[in-house]
Each structure stands twice: as structure tokens, then as C-alpha cells.
Amino acid sequence: MSRHHHPAGNGRVTAAASRPSGSAEVLEAHRQAGRAFRAGGVGSFVREQGSGELWMTSLTGPAFRFLMRLQGIGDPAAVSRAELDTYLALIKGPDRGRAFLQVMRSTERTPAKQARYRAAVRDVPHPVQAIWAVDDPAMTVAGYGEKARAAAGLGRLHTIPGKHFPQEDQAPAIARQIAEFTASRQAARPPS
């Protein structure tokens, strides 16, 4: 989980996004931002200074709904247009998305931070279960899901349908996994 730096998201995007005076500069900024997005998805794309601001400025309702259906929501029929529009309004907020970009840029991928994540789920006095959406294009089961399972020292990773935001369209599947886990823990307890 090391931090990736994408050459397409370097200072050229920052410079072009901060002072797009002509259509050629705006077009070049979009090209550079597109390369950064393709290289690492939305997460790494918005972390780059300039490309994140460009993305946030150009993010419209239709574009956001398309992106959420493409990468975020596994069952588009389960999440209304109004819900997706609310997500966008919360992301942009009164500061036009600056707080969202700050949060995205503040995520640490250092060994020390990874050790803290592991400590939160391994050898703890409470039960731990890992549930992962099988079709998450940003944090795949094979990559991040398995790392979460291993970090918690679990023998099994529980999977559910869905993409990056399964809580939005797969809440019943998540609830079933939790209920089954709770029932199995209660059944395994010796009678008091």
C-alpha cells in the first residue's frame, strides 16, 4: 500500500489548472488530468494538486451519477438519482469540494499507519469480521480485501455483491453477513 506518484499528475496539471487562460491550456489540463485518472483511478487522481481541483470544478450531476454507477454502485436501481445528487452536494459542500480533497489527500499509506490499522483489528478483545464487495474496482478483493483479511488474522473474507460503496445498495447483504457472524459467535459460546 505504498503511495503512488503518477507523472501525469505532476506540476503541469497544477500550473494549467491554476491559470487556464486559453482553451489550449484548459484542453491540455484535461488531457493531463485524464492520464492521471487512468493511471490510478479517482483516489490517486484527486490526491494530485491541480487535477483534483479540476475534477471537482468540472464534476456535474450527470457526470457524478455516471461515475457512481460505473465504479461506486453495484445495483443502480437500488440508489435513486436524488440520493446520488445528495452525495455530490455533500462532497462539494459550501467550500466547492476543498474539504473533500483535503480528506482524500490526507490518507496516509505509510508503514506506521498500516501498523495502526492492523493493531485496530488484530488480537483485540472483540470479534472481527471482514466484509468486502466483490466488484470494487478501486479496492479489489484480491488486493485490499485480502490485505484486510490478513491484517485481522482472519481465515475468511466475507464477500457480498457490490462495488466501492456497498453500504448504499447492498445494506441487506451486509446486514445478513453481520447477523450470520453474530449468530455463529453466539452458538460457539459455552452455556453460562
Protein backbone atom coordinates (compact mmCIF):
# COMPACT_ATOMS: atom_id res chain seq x y z
CA MET A 1 0.00 0.00 0.00
CA SER A 2 2.65 2.49 -0.93
CA ARG A 3 1.81 5.96 -2.17
CA HIS A 4 1.95 6.09 -5.94
CA HIS A 5 3.03 9.22 -7.73
CA HIS A 6 1.78 9.49 -11.27
CA PRO A 7 3.88 11.61 -13.61
CA ALA A 8 0.74 12.76 -15.42
CA GLY A 9 -0.49 14.36 -12.20
CA ASN A 10 2.56 16.49 -11.53
CA GLY A 11 3.05 20.25 -11.60
CA ARG A 12 1.96 20.57 -15.22
CA VAL A 13 -1.62 19.85 -14.17
CA THR A 14 -1.31 22.20 -11.21
CA ALA A 15 0.01 25.01 -13.37
CA ALA A 16 -2.60 24.52 -16.07
CA ALA A 17 -5.49 24.15 -13.61
CA SER A 18 -4.48 27.20 -11.60
CA ARG A 19 -4.26 29.55 -14.58
CA PRO A 20 -6.21 28.26 -17.58
CA SER A 21 -6.19 31.44 -19.63
CA GLY A 22 -6.90 29.93 -23.02
CA SER A 23 -8.76 26.97 -24.45
CA ALA A 24 -5.48 25.22 -25.39
CA GLU A 25 -4.31 25.32 -21.76
CA VAL A 26 -7.67 24.05 -20.49
CA LEU A 27 -7.59 21.24 -23.05
CA GLU A 28 -4.04 20.29 -22.02
CA ALA A 29 -5.04 20.37 -18.34
CA HIS A 30 -7.91 17.98 -19.12
CA ARG A 31 -5.55 15.69 -21.05
CA GLN A 32 -3.05 15.62 -18.17
CA ALA A 33 -5.84 15.03 -15.67
CA GLY A 34 -7.23 12.22 -17.83
CA ARG A 35 -3.84 10.49 -17.84
CA ALA A 36 -3.60 10.81 -14.04
CA PHE A 37 -7.12 9.36 -13.68
CA ARG A 38 -6.41 6.40 -15.97
CA ALA A 39 -3.14 5.71 -14.19
CA GLY A 40 -4.64 5.40 -10.72
CA GLY A 41 -8.40 5.94 -10.58
CA VAL A 42 -10.29 8.65 -8.73
CA GLY A 43 -8.43 8.17 -5.43
CA SER A 44 -4.95 8.84 -6.75
CA PHE A 45 -6.27 11.33 -9.30
CA VAL A 46 -7.83 13.68 -6.71
CA ARG A 47 -4.74 13.44 -4.47
CA GLU A 48 -2.72 15.31 -7.08
CA GLN A 49 -2.66 19.07 -6.61
CA GLY A 50 -4.44 20.68 -9.54
CA SER A 51 -6.04 17.59 -11.05
CA GLY A 52 -8.32 17.20 -8.01
CA GLU A 53 -9.41 20.83 -8.23
CA LEU A 54 -10.02 20.48 -11.95
CA TRP A 55 -12.05 17.32 -11.37
CA MET A 56 -14.08 18.95 -8.59
CA THR A 57 -14.81 22.06 -10.67
CA SER A 58 -15.99 20.03 -13.66
CA LEU A 59 -17.95 17.44 -11.65
CA THR A 60 -21.59 17.88 -12.61
CA GLY A 61 -24.64 15.91 -11.50
CA PRO A 62 -24.77 13.75 -14.66
CA ALA A 63 -21.01 13.11 -14.56
CA PHE A 64 -21.09 12.16 -10.88
CA ARG A 65 -24.10 9.86 -11.32
CA PHE A 66 -22.33 8.15 -14.23
CA LEU A 67 -19.14 7.71 -12.19
CA MET A 68 -21.03 6.33 -9.18
CA ARG A 69 -22.89 3.83 -11.34
CA LEU A 70 -19.67 2.86 -13.09
CA GLN A 71 -17.46 2.42 -10.01
CA GLY A 72 -19.44 3.01 -6.83
CA ILE A 73 -22.83 1.35 -7.00
CA GLY A 74 -23.35 -2.31 -7.92
CA ASP A 75 -27.15 -2.13 -8.24
CA PRO A 76 -28.08 1.24 -9.77
CA ALA A 77 -31.80 0.55 -9.29
CA ALA A 78 -31.27 0.48 -5.51
CA VAL A 79 -29.97 4.07 -5.30
CA SER A 80 -32.07 6.97 -6.54
CA ARG A 81 -30.94 9.96 -8.54
CA ALA A 82 -31.82 12.14 -5.56
CA GLU A 83 -29.54 10.09 -3.29
CA LEU A 84 -26.64 10.39 -5.73
CA ASP A 85 -27.27 14.12 -6.12
CA THR A 86 -27.19 14.44 -2.31
CA TYR A 87 -23.83 12.64 -2.24
CA LEU A 88 -22.48 15.17 -4.72
CA ALA A 89 -23.89 18.11 -2.76
CA LEU A 90 -22.21 16.79 0.40
CA ILE A 91 -18.90 16.23 -1.39
CA LYS A 92 -18.87 19.70 -2.88
CA GLY A 93 -20.33 21.43 0.17
CA PRO A 94 -20.18 25.17 0.68
CA ASP A 95 -16.40 25.16 0.03
CA ARG A 96 -16.78 23.74 -3.52
CA GLY A 97 -15.09 20.47 -2.54
CA ARG A 98 -11.95 21.72 -0.81
CA ALA A 99 -12.68 19.74 2.39
CA PHE A 100 -13.28 16.56 0.37
CA LEU A 101 -9.98 17.00 -1.46
CA GLN A 102 -8.20 17.64 1.85
CA VAL A 103 -9.58 14.38 3.28
CA MET A 104 -8.58 12.44 0.16
CA ARG A 105 -5.09 13.91 0.28
CA SER A 106 -4.61 13.26 3.98
CA THR A 107 -4.91 9.49 3.78
CA GLU A 108 -1.60 8.01 4.79
CA ARG A 109 -0.11 4.86 3.31
CA THR A 110 3.00 4.78 5.47
CA PRO A 111 4.22 1.62 7.25
CA ALA A 112 3.47 3.28 10.60
CA LYS A 113 -0.14 3.98 9.58
CA GLN A 114 -0.55 0.43 8.26
CA ALA A 115 0.68 -0.89 11.62
CA ARG A 116 -2.00 1.19 13.35
CA TYR A 117 -4.67 -0.25 11.03
CA ARG A 118 -3.51 -3.80 11.82
CA ALA A 119 -3.46 -3.09 15.56
CA ALA A 120 -7.09 -1.93 15.39
CA VAL A 121 -8.29 -5.32 14.10
CA ARG A 122 -5.77 -7.93 15.23
CA ASP A 123 -5.60 -9.57 18.66
CA VAL A 124 -8.39 -7.38 20.01
CA PRO A 125 -10.87 -8.38 22.75
CA HIS A 126 -13.88 -8.23 20.43
CA PRO A 127 -14.94 -10.25 17.38
CA VAL A 128 -13.73 -9.05 13.98
CA GLN A 129 -15.22 -9.79 10.59
CA ALA A 130 -14.10 -8.51 7.18
CA ILE A 131 -16.80 -7.93 4.56
CA TRP A 132 -15.81 -6.87 1.04
CA ALA A 133 -17.70 -6.01 -2.15
CA VAL A 134 -16.61 -8.39 -4.91
CA ASP A 135 -16.73 -5.87 -7.75
CA ASP A 136 -15.00 -2.89 -6.12
CA PRO A 137 -12.80 -1.53 -8.92
CA ALA A 138 -10.84 0.80 -6.63
CA MET A 139 -10.14 -1.52 -3.71
CA THR A 140 -10.28 -5.02 -5.15
CA VAL A 141 -10.98 -8.18 -3.19
CA ALA A 142 -7.69 -9.71 -4.34
CA GLY A 143 -5.74 -6.63 -3.29
CA TYR A 144 -7.20 -4.65 -0.42
CA GLY A 145 -9.78 -7.23 0.70
CA GLU A 146 -7.13 -9.89 1.18
CA LYS A 147 -4.84 -7.40 2.92
CA ALA A 148 -7.66 -6.55 5.33
CA ARG A 149 -8.31 -10.26 5.99
CA ALA A 150 -4.62 -10.94 6.60
CA ALA A 151 -4.21 -7.83 8.78
CA ALA A 152 -7.04 -9.03 11.01
CA GLY A 153 -5.60 -12.56 11.08
CA LEU A 154 -8.86 -13.98 9.75
CA GLY A 155 -9.22 -17.29 7.94
CA ARG A 156 -12.01 -15.99 5.74
CA LEU A 157 -13.01 -12.82 3.92
CA HIS A 158 -16.79 -12.49 3.64
CA THR A 159 -17.85 -11.17 0.27
CA ILE A 160 -21.03 -9.50 -0.89
CA PRO A 161 -22.22 -8.17 -4.25
CA GLY A 162 -21.40 -4.56 -4.98
CA LYS A 163 -18.75 -2.05 -5.86
CA HIS A 164 -16.95 0.69 -3.92
CA PHE A 165 -19.93 1.90 -1.84
CA PRO A 166 -21.78 -1.33 -0.96
CA GLN A 167 -23.45 0.29 2.05
CA GLU A 168 -25.54 2.30 -0.39
CA ASP A 169 -27.04 -0.53 -2.44
CA GLN A 170 -26.17 -3.72 -0.55
CA ALA A 171 -27.25 -2.91 3.02
CA PRO A 172 -29.37 -6.10 3.29
CA ALA A 173 -26.40 -8.25 2.22
CA ILE A 174 -24.16 -6.53 4.77
CA ALA A 175 -26.80 -6.98 7.48
CA ARG A 176 -27.08 -10.71 6.63
CA GLN A 177 -23.31 -11.16 6.92
CA ILE A 178 -23.29 -9.42 10.30
CA ALA A 179 -26.30 -11.41 11.55
CA GLU A 180 -24.73 -14.72 10.47
CA PHE A 181 -21.44 -13.76 12.10
CA THR A 182 -23.18 -12.76 15.34
CA ALA A 183 -25.28 -15.95 15.38
CA SER A 184 -22.20 -18.13 14.81
CA ARG A 185 -20.36 -16.38 17.65
CA GLN A 186 -23.32 -16.85 19.99
CA ALA A 187 -23.68 -20.54 19.04
CA ALA A 188 -19.97 -21.12 19.69
CA ARG A 189 -20.19 -19.71 23.24
CA PRO A 190 -20.37 -22.25 26.03
CA PRO A 191 -23.60 -22.07 28.06
CA SER A 192 -23.36 -19.99 31.22
